[in-house]
PDB file of N, CA and C in Angstrom:
ATOM      1  N   MET A   1     157.962 112.756  -5.811  1.00  0.00           N
ATOM      2  CA  MET A   1     158.873 112.303  -6.820  1.00  0.00           C
ATOM      3  C   MET A   1     158.772 110.776  -6.930  1.00  0.00           C
ATOM      4  N   VAL A   2     158.824 110.258  -8.137  1.00  0.00           N
ATOM      5  CA  VAL A   2     158.732 108.812  -8.379  1.00  0.00           C
ATOM      6  C   VAL A   2     160.138 108.246  -8.547  1.00  0.00           C
ATOM      7  N   HIS A   3     160.388 107.107  -7.892  1.00  0.00           N
ATOM      8  CA  HIS A   3     161.711 106.477  -7.912  1.00  0.00           C
ATOM      9  C   HIS A   3     161.591 105.013  -8.326  1.00  0.00           C
ATOM     10  N   PRO A   4     162.210 104.600  -9.443  1.00  0.00           N
ATOM     11  CA  PRO A   4     162.336 103.174  -9.720  1.00  0.00           C
ATOM     12  C   PRO A   4     163.525 102.650  -8.914  1.00  0.00           C
ATOM     13  N   VAL A   5     163.341 101.556  -8.196  1.00  0.00           N
ATOM     14  CA  VAL A   5     164.376 101.031  -7.301  1.00  0.00           C
ATOM     15  C   VAL A   5     164.685  99.585  -7.681  1.00  0.00           C
ATOM     16  N   MET A   6     165.924  99.168  -7.468  1.00  0.00           N
ATOM     17  CA  MET A   6     166.292  97.773  -7.689  1.00  0.00           C
ATOM     18  C   MET A   6     167.151  97.326  -6.520  1.00  0.00           C
ATOM     19  N   ALA A   7     166.849  96.189  -5.947  1.00  0.00           N
ATOM     20  CA  ALA A   7     167.648  95.612  -4.868  1.00  0.00           C
ATOM     21  C   ALA A   7     167.835  94.130  -5.148  1.00  0.00           C
ATOM     22  N   ARG A   8     169.003  93.639  -4.843  1.00  0.00           N
ATOM     23  CA  ARG A   8     169.261  92.208  -5.080  1.00  0.00           C
ATOM     24  C   ARG A   8     169.957  91.588  -3.886  1.00  0.00           C
ATOM     25  N   GLY A   9     170.019  90.274  -3.904  1.00  0.00           N
ATOM     26  CA  GLY A   9     170.649  89.543  -2.812  1.00  0.00           C
ATOM     27  C   GLY A   9     172.145  89.799  -2.740  1.00  0.00           C
ATOM     28  N   ILE A  10     172.717  89.530  -1.586  1.00  0.00           N
ATOM     29  CA  ILE A  10     174.154  89.703  -1.378  1.00  0.00           C
ATOM     30  C   ILE A  10     174.914  88.778  -2.325  1.00  0.00           C
ATOM     31  N   GLU A  11     175.949  89.317  -2.953  1.00  0.00           N
ATOM     32  CA  GLU A  11     176.775  88.583  -3.911  1.00  0.00           C
ATOM     33  C   GLU A  11     175.946  87.991  -5.050  1.00  0.00           C
ATOM     34  N   ARG A  12     174.836  88.659  -5.363  1.00  0.00           N
ATOM     35  CA  ARG A  12     173.932  88.244  -6.443  1.00  0.00           C
ATOM     36  C   ARG A  12     173.365  86.841  -6.240  1.00  0.00           C
ATOM     37  N   LYS A  13     173.297  86.429  -4.988  1.00  0.00           N
ATOM     38  CA  LYS A  13     172.712  85.120  -4.669  1.00  0.00           C
ATOM     39  C   LYS A  13     171.218  85.277  -4.458  1.00  0.00           C
ATOM     40  N   GLU A  14     170.517  84.149  -4.410  1.00  0.00           N
ATOM     41  CA  GLU A  14     169.074  84.183  -4.229  1.00  0.00           C
ATOM     42  C   GLU A  14     168.681  84.906  -2.947  1.00  0.00           C
ATOM     43  N   SER A  15     167.691  85.759  -3.078  1.00  0.00           N
ATOM     44  CA  SER A  15     167.138  86.445  -1.906  1.00  0.00           C
ATOM     45  C   SER A  15     166.033  85.605  -1.276  1.00  0.00           C
ATOM     46  N   PHE A  16     165.317  84.886  -2.105  1.00  0.00           N
ATOM     47  CA  PHE A  16     164.181  84.078  -1.645  1.00  0.00           C
ATOM     48  C   PHE A  16     164.382  82.649  -2.115  1.00  0.00           C
ATOM     49  N   ARG A  17     164.659  81.756  -1.183  1.00  0.00           N
ATOM     50  CA  ARG A  17     164.874  80.354  -1.559  1.00  0.00           C
ATOM     51  C   ARG A  17     163.604  79.529  -1.475  1.00  0.00           C
ATOM     52  N   ALA A  18     162.590  80.088  -0.819  1.00  0.00           N
ATOM     53  CA  ALA A  18     161.327  79.359  -0.675  1.00  0.00           C
ATOM     54  C   ALA A  18     160.167  80.335  -0.796  1.00  0.00           C
ATOM     55  N   ASP A  19     159.017  79.825  -1.196  1.00  0.00           N
ATOM     56  CA  ASP A  19     157.829  80.666  -1.329  1.00  0.00           C
ATOM     57  C   ASP A  19     157.477  81.351  -0.015  1.00  0.00           C
ATOM     58  N   ARG A  20     157.677  80.656   1.107  1.00  0.00           N
ATOM     59  CA  ARG A  20     157.352  81.246   2.414  1.00  0.00           C
ATOM     60  C   ARG A  20     158.210  82.485   2.686  1.00  0.00           C
ATOM     61  N   ALA A  21     159.485  82.447   2.305  1.00  0.00           N
ATOM     62  CA  ALA A  21     160.368  83.606   2.499  1.00  0.00           C
ATOM     63  C   ALA A  21     159.881  84.791   1.673  1.00  0.00           C
ATOM     64  N   ARG A  22     159.455  84.535   0.447  1.00  0.00           N
ATOM     65  CA  ARG A  22     158.942  85.606  -0.420  1.00  0.00           C
ATOM     66  C   ARG A  22     157.649  86.174   0.158  1.00  0.00           C
ATOM     67  N   LYS A  23     156.759  85.316   0.642  1.00  0.00           N
ATOM     68  CA  LYS A  23     155.493  85.778   1.231  1.00  0.00           C
ATOM     69  C   LYS A  23     155.746  86.617   2.484  1.00  0.00           C
ATOM     70  N   THR A  24     156.701  86.197   3.317  1.00  0.00           N
ATOM     71  CA  THR A  24     157.038  86.964   4.515  1.00  0.00           C
ATOM     72  C   THR A  24     157.589  88.332   4.127  1.00  0.00           C
ATOM     73  N   PHE A  25     158.435  88.380   3.122  1.00  0.00           N
ATOM     74  CA  PHE A  25     158.980  89.659   2.640  1.00  0.00           C
ATOM     75  C   PHE A  25     157.851  90.585   2.191  1.00  0.00           C
ATOM     76  N   ILE A  26     156.914  90.065   1.430  1.00  0.00           N
ATOM     77  CA  ILE A  26     155.796  90.873   0.930  1.00  0.00           C
ATOM     78  C   ILE A  26     154.951  91.383   2.097  1.00  0.00           C
ATOM     79  N   GLU A  27     154.680  90.540   3.079  1.00  0.00           N
ATOM     80  CA  GLU A  27     153.897  90.955   4.255  1.00  0.00           C
ATOM     81  C   GLU A  27     154.626  92.066   5.017  1.00  0.00           C
ATOM     82  N   ARG A  28     155.892  91.901   5.256  1.00  0.00           N
ATOM     83  CA  ARG A  28     156.666  92.911   5.997  1.00  0.00           C
ATOM     84  C   ARG A  28     156.784  94.205   5.211  1.00  0.00           C
ATOM     85  N   ARG A  29     156.949  94.089   3.911  1.00  0.00           N
ATOM     86  CA  ARG A  29     157.018  95.293   3.068  1.00  0.00           C
ATOM     87  C   ARG A  29     155.724  96.083   3.183  1.00  0.00           C
ATOM     88  N   GLY A  30     154.602  95.380   3.205  1.00  0.00           N
ATOM     89  CA  GLY A  30     153.314  96.054   3.360  1.00  0.00           C
ATOM     90  C   GLY A  30     153.211  96.789   4.681  1.00  0.00           C
ATOM     91  N   GLU A  31     153.725  96.187   5.743  1.00  0.00           N
ATOM     92  CA  GLU A  31     153.703  96.839   7.063  1.00  0.00           C
ATOM     93  C   GLU A  31     154.561  98.101   7.057  1.00  0.00           C
ATOM     94  N   ARG A  32     155.718  98.051   6.435  1.00  0.00           N
ATOM     95  CA  ARG A  32     156.618  99.205   6.409  1.00  0.00           C
ATOM     96  C   ARG A  32     156.057 100.329   5.557  1.00  0.00           C
ATOM     97  N   VAL A  33     155.455  99.980   4.432  1.00  0.00           N
ATOM     98  CA  VAL A  33     154.867 100.993   3.557  1.00  0.00           C
ATOM     99  C   VAL A  33     153.743 101.719   4.275  1.00  0.00           C
ATOM    100  N   THR A  34     152.938 101.000   5.025  1.00  0.00           N
ATOM    101  CA  THR A  34     151.843 101.606   5.765  1.00  0.00           C
ATOM    102  C   THR A  34     152.370 102.625   6.772  1.00  0.00           C
ATOM    103  N   ALA A  35     153.515 102.352   7.378  1.00  0.00           N
ATOM    104  CA  ALA A  35     154.076 103.230   8.409  1.00  0.00           C
ATOM    105  C   ALA A  35     154.931 104.363   7.824  1.00  0.00           C
ATOM    106  N   ALA A  36     155.285 104.308   6.547  1.00  0.00           N
ATOM    107  CA  ALA A  36     156.199 105.280   5.947  1.00  0.00           C
ATOM    108  C   ALA A  36     155.457 106.336   5.137  1.00  0.00           C
ATOM    109  N   ASP A  37     156.210 107.345   4.704  1.00  0.00           N
ATOM    110  CA  ASP A  37     155.630 108.427   3.914  1.00  0.00           C
ATOM    111  C   ASP A  37     155.960 108.223   2.433  1.00  0.00           C
ATOM    112  N   PHE A  38     155.595 107.061   1.908  1.00  0.00           N
ATOM    113  CA  PHE A  38     155.738 106.822   0.481  1.00  0.00           C
ATOM    114  C   PHE A  38     154.675 105.847  -0.001  1.00  0.00           C
ATOM    115  N   THR A  39     154.497 105.813  -1.309  1.00  0.00           N
ATOM    116  CA  THR A  39     153.503 104.951  -1.934  1.00  0.00           C
ATOM    117  C   THR A  39     154.216 104.007  -2.889  1.00  0.00           C
ATOM    118  N   VAL A  40     153.833 102.736  -2.902  1.00  0.00           N
ATOM    119  CA  VAL A  40     154.367 101.769  -3.863  1.00  0.00           C
ATOM    120  C   VAL A  40     153.360 101.645  -5.000  1.00  0.00           C
ATOM    121  N   TYR A  41     153.777 102.016  -6.209  1.00  0.00           N
ATOM    122  CA  TYR A  41     152.900 101.919  -7.366  1.00  0.00           C
ATOM    123  C   TYR A  41     152.943 100.539  -7.999  1.00  0.00           C
ATOM    124  N   ALA A  42     154.109  99.908  -7.957  1.00  0.00           N
ATOM    125  CA  ALA A  42     154.259  98.582  -8.557  1.00  0.00           C
ATOM    126  C   ALA A  42     155.476  97.914  -7.943  1.00  0.00           C
ATOM    127  N   CYS A  43     155.505  96.588  -7.997  1.00  0.00           N
ATOM    128  CA  CYS A  43     156.683  95.862  -7.530  1.00  0.00           C
ATOM    129  C   CYS A  43     156.738  94.513  -8.233  1.00  0.00           C
ATOM    130  N   CYS A  44     157.901  94.182  -8.714  1.00  0.00           N
ATOM    131  CA  CYS A  44     158.139  92.887  -9.346  1.00  0.00           C
ATOM    132  C   CYS A  44     159.246  92.217  -8.548  1.00  0.00           C
ATOM    133  N   SER A  45     159.059  90.957  -8.182  1.00  0.00           N
ATOM    134  CA  SER A  45     160.126  90.271  -7.448  1.00  0.00           C
ATOM    135  C   SER A  45     160.420  88.919  -8.084  1.00  0.00           C
ATOM    136  N   THR A  46     161.695  88.572  -8.076  1.00  0.00           N
ATOM    137  CA  THR A  46     162.139  87.254  -8.519  1.00  0.00           C
ATOM    138  C   THR A  46     162.925  86.650  -7.361  1.00  0.00           C
ATOM    139  N   SER A  47     163.467  85.470  -7.539  1.00  0.00           N
ATOM    140  CA  SER A  47     164.232  84.864  -6.451  1.00  0.00           C
ATOM    141  C   SER A  47     165.543  85.605  -6.199  1.00  0.00           C
ATOM    142  N   TYR A  48     166.014  86.407  -7.159  1.00  0.00           N
ATOM    143  CA  TYR A  48     167.298  87.085  -7.035  1.00  0.00           C
ATOM    144  C   TYR A  48     167.206  88.573  -6.701  1.00  0.00           C
ATOM    145  N   HIS A  49     166.119  89.235  -7.077  1.00  0.00           N
ATOM    146  CA  HIS A  49     166.025  90.671  -6.860  1.00  0.00           C
ATOM    147  C   HIS A  49     164.572  91.140  -6.906  1.00  0.00           C
ATOM    148  N   PHE A  50     164.367  92.414  -6.558  1.00  0.00           N
ATOM    149  CA  PHE A  50     163.036  92.988  -6.680  1.00  0.00           C
ATOM    150  C   PHE A  50     163.138  94.438  -7.130  1.00  0.00           C
ATOM    151  N   HIS A  51     162.069  94.906  -7.775  1.00  0.00           N
ATOM    152  CA  HIS A  51     162.012  96.250  -8.353  1.00  0.00           C
ATOM    153  C   HIS A  51     160.713  96.939  -7.924  1.00  0.00           C
ATOM    154  N   PRO A  52     160.738  97.741  -6.872  1.00  0.00           N
ATOM    155  CA  PRO A  52     159.544  98.542  -6.580  1.00  0.00           C
ATOM    156  C   PRO A  52     159.625  99.898  -7.287  1.00  0.00           C
ATOM    157  N   VAL A  53     158.478 100.465  -7.576  1.00  0.00           N
ATOM    158  CA  VAL A  53     158.382 101.839  -8.079  1.00  0.00           C
ATOM    159  C   VAL A  53     157.688 102.622  -6.979  1.00  0.00           C
ATOM    160  N   LEU A  54     158.391 103.606  -6.407  1.00  0.00           N
ATOM    161  CA  LEU A  54     157.922 104.327  -5.229  1.00  0.00           C
ATOM    162  C   LEU A  54     157.683 105.806  -5.518  1.00  0.00           C
ATOM    163  N   ARG A  55     156.752 106.385  -4.794  1.00  0.00           N
ATOM    164  CA  ARG A  55     156.581 107.846  -4.779  1.00  0.00           C
ATOM    165  C   ARG A  55     156.820 108.292  -3.347  1.00  0.00           C
ATOM    166  N   THR A  56     157.766 109.224  -3.178  1.00  0.00           N
ATOM    167  CA  THR A  56     158.021 109.771  -1.848  1.00  0.00           C
ATOM    168  C   THR A  56     157.167 110.999  -1.629  1.00  0.00           C
ATOM    169  N   GLY A  57     156.891 111.267  -0.361  1.00  0.00           N
ATOM    170  CA  GLY A  57     156.054 112.418  -0.028  1.00  0.00           C
ATOM    171  C   GLY A  57     154.590 112.148  -0.331  1.00  0.00           C
ATOM    172  N   LYS A  58     153.799 113.158  -0.165  1.00  0.00           N
ATOM    173  CA  LYS A  58     152.355 113.011  -0.414  1.00  0.00           C
ATOM    174  C   LYS A  58     152.076 113.167  -1.904  1.00  0.00           C
ATOM    175  N   PRO A  59     151.126 112.388  -2.434  1.00  0.00           N
ATOM    176  CA  PRO A  59     150.764 112.531  -3.847  1.00  0.00           C
ATOM    177  C   PRO A  59     150.201 113.920  -4.107  1.00  0.00           C
ATOM    178  N   PRO A  60     150.424 114.453  -5.323  1.00  0.00           N
ATOM    179  CA  PRO A  60     149.882 115.776  -5.622  1.00  0.00           C
ATOM    180  C   PRO A  60     148.355 115.772  -5.611  1.00  0.00           C
ATOM    181  N   SER A  61     147.756 116.894  -5.237  1.00  0.00           N
ATOM    182  CA  SER A  61     146.286 116.980  -5.258  1.00  0.00           C
ATOM    183  C   SER A  61     145.799 117.113  -6.701  1.00  0.00           C
ATOM    184  N   PRO A  62     144.649 116.508  -6.972  1.00  0.00           N
ATOM    185  CA  PRO A  62     144.091 116.617  -8.331  1.00  0.00           C
ATOM    186  C   PRO A  62     143.700 118.071  -8.628  1.00  0.00           C
ATOM    187  N   GLY A  63     143.878 118.441  -9.867  1.00  0.00           N
ATOM    188  CA  GLY A  63     143.419 119.771 -10.295  1.00  0.00           C
ATOM    189  C   GLY A  63     144.478 120.699 -10.387  1.00  0.00           C
TER     190      GLY A  63
END
């Protein structure tokens, strides 16, 4: 199943105040995705929020 997700900072404040914080988030997200049973098809992030599009479970087999 495909899930569009939205997450934002606490009290709608900035989640990423510096480029390094955003880069660390992206690196950690990659580590978690590798260990989990879902696929990230796309992700958009701003300083206030991010929107990943996820598929849970295994992708369907072709055919």
